[in-house]
């Protein structure tokens, strides 16, 4: 199948905030990675707020209990001092927060829009924010695994070619993705619409639940590691 090219434009004129708020709502993260994250962001000219990093590792390996994670996330989403909410890590456990998020949907609707950044397990939160709240977000690098962090720590891993500045620049300048694999006729021909999607395994977990929702003119973009769309029935 021939590959294609995708151009993404977030919003012309989006103002870049000076402060990045860090948060983690899924699996346990390495506490020792936080100073490097702060250092890397400050090198890019940003201040870093860590008030929403509240890790008390649960028996399931999440950063905290479901209730505590849900309450912390709602506080961050409804904090009008937050412009950018950057997730430290994905992993698992975000799906468990959906009942708490939906219980606070009206409260979140009343808050000032903010931009969420992260991928993997953060897909569950993106899906809620995009489709049920109506905010934009960035399915991009997590704060603990990216080019800037690997340069500080040595080694490499997921997202080794993308750093903080590239992600933030994409918000205001747009980005081209060559080599996209089109999976149906509209994708092969070319289309314009609202980009949605995220982690393939997470999105599959929403199928046939009250949380599943699709928008008109939605372009679905999928990512995962170790699996492809051919591994999933449907």
Protein backbone atom coordinates (compact mmCIF):
# COMPACT_ATOMS: atom_id res chain seq x y z
CA UNK A 1 0.00 0.00 0.00
CA UNK A 2 1.39 3.40 -0.92
CA UNK A 3 2.24 5.83 1.84
CA UNK A 4 0.83 9.31 2.14
CA UNK A 5 1.54 12.62 3.83
CA UNK A 6 -0.38 14.25 6.65
CA UNK A 7 -0.27 17.97 7.48
CA UNK A 8 -1.45 18.97 10.90
CA UNK A 9 -2.26 22.52 11.95
CA UNK A 10 -3.29 23.05 15.55
CA UNK A 11 -4.44 26.65 15.55
CA UNK A 12 -2.98 29.73 13.93
CA UNK A 13 -2.10 32.35 16.52
CA UNK A 14 -2.03 30.03 19.53
CA UNK A 15 -0.11 31.86 22.24
CA UNK A 16 2.74 29.92 23.81
CA UNK A 17 2.49 29.89 27.58
CA UNK A 18 5.51 30.57 29.77
CA UNK A 19 4.68 27.93 32.37
CA UNK A 20 4.29 24.18 31.88
CA UNK A 21 2.35 22.24 34.51
CA UNK A 22 3.49 18.64 34.91
CA UNK A 23 1.07 15.86 35.80
CA UNK A 24 0.99 12.07 35.76
CA UNK A 25 -2.24 10.08 35.95
CA UNK A 26 -1.25 6.55 34.92
CA UNK A 27 1.64 4.24 35.84
CA UNK A 28 4.37 5.01 38.36
CA UNK A 29 7.11 7.28 37.05
CA UNK A 30 10.73 7.54 38.16
CA UNK A 31 11.02 10.33 40.70
CA UNK A 32 14.64 10.89 39.68
CA UNK A 33 13.54 11.84 36.16
CA UNK A 34 11.74 14.99 37.32
CA UNK A 35 14.86 17.20 37.80
CA UNK A 36 15.96 16.39 34.23
CA UNK A 37 12.49 17.24 32.89
CA UNK A 38 12.51 20.56 34.73
CA UNK A 39 16.04 21.32 33.53
CA UNK A 40 15.20 20.50 29.90
CA UNK A 41 12.09 22.70 29.90
CA UNK A 42 13.89 25.59 31.58
CA UNK A 43 16.55 25.42 28.87
CA UNK A 44 13.73 26.09 26.42
CA UNK A 45 12.71 29.19 28.39
CA UNK A 46 9.79 27.76 30.36
CA UNK A 47 8.95 27.77 34.04
CA UNK A 48 7.74 24.46 35.45
CA UNK A 49 4.96 23.93 37.98
CA UNK A 50 4.84 20.56 39.78
CA UNK A 51 1.84 21.03 42.06
CA UNK A 52 -0.07 18.26 40.26
CA UNK A 53 2.67 15.65 40.65
CA UNK A 54 1.26 13.60 43.53
CA UNK A 55 2.79 10.12 43.53
CA UNK A 56 1.87 7.63 46.23
CA UNK A 57 2.26 4.39 44.30
CA UNK A 58 -0.76 2.08 44.52
CA UNK A 59 -0.78 -1.72 44.75
CA UNK A 60 -1.44 -1.79 41.00
CA UNK A 61 1.60 0.31 40.15
CA UNK A 62 -0.33 3.49 39.39
CA UNK A 63 0.85 6.88 40.66
CA UNK A 64 -1.94 6.83 43.23
CA UNK A 65 -5.37 5.31 43.87
CA UNK A 66 -8.06 5.72 41.23
CA UNK A 67 -9.91 8.22 43.41
CA UNK A 68 -6.82 10.30 44.18
CA UNK A 69 -5.70 10.31 40.52
CA UNK A 70 -9.17 11.31 39.36
CA UNK A 71 -9.48 14.12 41.89
CA UNK A 72 -6.01 15.42 41.07
CA UNK A 73 -6.72 15.42 37.32
CA UNK A 74 -10.03 17.25 37.74
CA UNK A 75 -8.30 19.89 39.90
CA UNK A 76 -5.71 20.42 37.15
CA UNK A 77 -8.33 20.54 34.39
CA UNK A 78 -10.39 23.13 36.26
CA UNK A 79 -7.43 25.27 37.34
CA UNK A 80 -7.66 28.48 35.29
CA UNK A 81 -3.98 29.20 35.95
CA UNK A 82 -2.99 26.20 33.83
CA UNK A 83 -2.27 26.70 30.12
CA UNK A 84 -0.27 23.57 29.27
CA UNK A 85 -0.66 20.27 31.12
CA UNK A 86 2.18 17.91 30.18
CA UNK A 87 1.96 14.26 31.24
CA UNK A 88 5.15 12.74 32.64
CA UNK A 89 4.35 9.15 31.68
CA UNK A 90 1.71 6.90 30.14
CA UNK A 91 1.56 3.20 30.97
CA UNK A 92 -1.86 2.10 32.17
CA UNK A 93 -4.71 3.08 34.48
CA UNK A 94 -6.18 6.16 32.78
CA UNK A 95 -9.30 4.28 31.70
CA UNK A 96 -10.20 3.89 35.37
CA UNK A 97 -10.49 7.67 35.64
CA UNK A 98 -13.27 8.06 33.08
CA UNK A 99 -16.16 7.62 35.56
CA UNK A 100 -14.67 10.36 37.75
CA UNK A 101 -14.12 12.65 34.75
CA UNK A 102 -17.67 12.19 33.51
CA UNK A 103 -19.04 12.82 37.00
CA UNK A 104 -17.28 16.21 36.87
CA UNK A 105 -18.04 17.00 33.22
CA UNK A 106 -20.09 20.13 33.97
CA UNK A 107 -17.38 21.48 36.25
CA UNK A 108 -14.71 20.86 33.61
CA UNK A 109 -16.87 22.46 30.91
CA UNK A 110 -16.92 25.64 32.96
CA UNK A 111 -13.14 25.91 33.17
CA UNK A 112 -10.82 27.79 30.82
CA UNK A 113 -9.49 25.63 27.99
CA UNK A 114 -5.99 24.27 28.39
CA UNK A 115 -3.77 22.14 26.15
CA UNK A 116 -2.90 18.59 27.23
CA UNK A 117 0.20 16.85 25.89
CA UNK A 118 1.07 13.15 26.11
CA UNK A 119 0.53 9.81 24.39
CA UNK A 120 0.08 6.09 25.08
CA UNK A 121 -2.26 5.70 28.09
CA UNK A 122 -3.01 9.44 27.97
CA UNK A 123 -5.19 8.56 24.94
CA UNK A 124 -8.11 7.89 27.31
CA UNK A 125 -7.86 11.43 28.67
CA UNK A 126 -7.39 12.96 25.21
CA UNK A 127 -10.52 11.16 23.99
CA UNK A 128 -12.56 12.55 26.89
CA UNK A 129 -11.19 16.08 26.48
CA UNK A 130 -11.54 16.18 22.69
CA UNK A 131 -14.93 14.58 22.23
CA UNK A 132 -16.86 15.27 25.42
CA UNK A 133 -15.39 18.59 26.59
CA UNK A 134 -14.48 20.01 23.16
CA UNK A 135 -10.91 21.08 23.95
CA UNK A 136 -7.92 20.57 21.68
CA UNK A 137 -4.93 18.54 22.81
CA UNK A 138 -1.62 17.19 21.51
CA UNK A 139 -1.00 13.47 21.16
CA UNK A 140 2.75 13.87 21.53
CA UNK A 141 5.77 13.01 23.65
CA UNK A 142 5.50 12.42 27.37
CA UNK A 143 7.82 14.53 29.49
CA UNK A 144 9.97 11.63 30.70
CA UNK A 145 10.73 9.97 27.34
CA UNK A 146 11.96 12.18 24.52
CA UNK A 147 15.06 13.48 22.74
CA UNK A 148 15.84 16.17 25.32
CA UNK A 149 15.71 13.73 28.23
CA UNK A 150 17.85 11.13 26.46
CA UNK A 151 20.46 13.79 25.72
CA UNK A 152 20.66 14.58 29.43
CA UNK A 153 20.57 10.99 30.67
CA UNK A 154 22.23 9.13 27.82
CA UNK A 155 20.68 6.23 25.93
CA UNK A 156 17.54 6.36 23.82
CA UNK A 157 14.04 4.94 23.58
CA UNK A 158 10.56 5.96 22.48
CA UNK A 159 10.34 9.38 20.81
CA UNK A 160 14.12 9.66 20.60
CA UNK A 161 13.85 12.03 17.62
CA UNK A 162 11.38 14.52 19.10
CA UNK A 163 11.93 17.03 21.89
CA UNK A 164 9.98 19.62 23.84
CA UNK A 165 10.57 22.51 21.46
CA UNK A 166 9.56 20.54 18.35
CA UNK A 167 6.32 19.53 20.04
CA UNK A 168 5.50 23.06 21.13
CA UNK A 169 6.43 24.52 17.73
CA UNK A 170 4.04 22.07 16.07
CA UNK A 171 1.19 23.69 17.99
CA UNK A 172 1.74 27.10 16.43
CA UNK A 173 3.39 26.20 13.12
CA UNK A 174 1.84 22.87 12.15
CA UNK A 175 3.77 19.76 11.15
CA UNK A 176 4.12 17.46 8.13
CA UNK A 177 4.13 13.68 8.60
CA UNK A 178 5.43 11.77 5.54
CA UNK A 179 5.07 8.02 5.24
CA UNK A 180 1.57 7.74 6.72
CA UNK A 181 -0.13 4.42 5.88
CA UNK A 182 -3.66 5.08 4.49
CA UNK A 183 -6.12 2.36 5.51
CA UNK A 184 -9.19 3.27 3.42
CA UNK A 185 -10.19 5.03 0.22
CA UNK A 186 -10.78 8.53 1.68
CA UNK A 187 -7.34 8.41 3.26
CA UNK A 188 -5.75 7.42 -0.06
CA UNK A 189 -7.54 10.15 -2.01
CA UNK A 190 -6.97 12.88 0.56
CA UNK A 191 -9.27 14.46 3.10
CA UNK A 192 -9.52 17.28 5.61
CA UNK A 193 -11.08 17.05 9.02
CA UNK A 194 -10.55 16.99 12.77
CA UNK A 195 -7.73 14.70 13.84
CA UNK A 196 -8.63 12.21 16.56
CA UNK A 197 -7.38 8.84 17.70
CA UNK A 198 -4.34 7.79 19.66
CA UNK A 199 -3.21 4.50 21.12
CA UNK A 200 -4.81 1.57 19.30
CA UNK A 201 -5.19 -0.64 22.37
CA UNK A 202 -6.73 2.16 24.44
CA UNK A 203 -9.24 3.11 21.75
CA UNK A 204 -10.27 -0.52 21.36
CA UNK A 205 -11.01 -0.58 25.10
CA UNK A 206 -13.65 2.13 24.57
CA UNK A 207 -15.60 0.10 21.98
CA UNK A 208 -19.23 -0.56 22.96
CA UNK A 209 -18.99 1.48 26.16
CA UNK A 210 -20.79 4.67 27.15
CA UNK A 211 -17.51 6.50 26.54
CA UNK A 212 -17.24 5.63 22.85
CA UNK A 213 -18.03 8.61 20.62
CA UNK A 214 -17.17 9.63 17.07
CA UNK A 215 -17.34 13.05 15.49
CA UNK A 216 -18.36 14.08 11.99
CA UNK A 217 -15.39 14.47 9.58
CA UNK A 218 -13.08 12.77 12.07
CA UNK A 219 -9.69 11.61 10.81
CA UNK A 220 -8.53 8.66 12.89
CA UNK A 221 -4.79 8.37 13.52
CA UNK A 222 -3.50 5.35 15.46
CA UNK A 223 -0.26 4.57 17.29
CA UNK A 224 0.92 1.57 19.29
CA UNK A 225 4.02 -0.51 19.83
CA UNK A 226 4.26 -4.26 19.35
CA UNK A 227 0.90 -4.51 17.56
CA UNK A 228 -0.69 -3.32 14.31
CA UNK A 229 -4.27 -2.74 13.22
CA UNK A 230 -4.19 -6.30 11.82
CA UNK A 231 -3.85 -7.73 15.34
CA UNK A 232 -7.19 -6.26 16.39
CA UNK A 233 -10.51 -7.77 15.25
CA UNK A 234 -13.16 -5.49 13.82
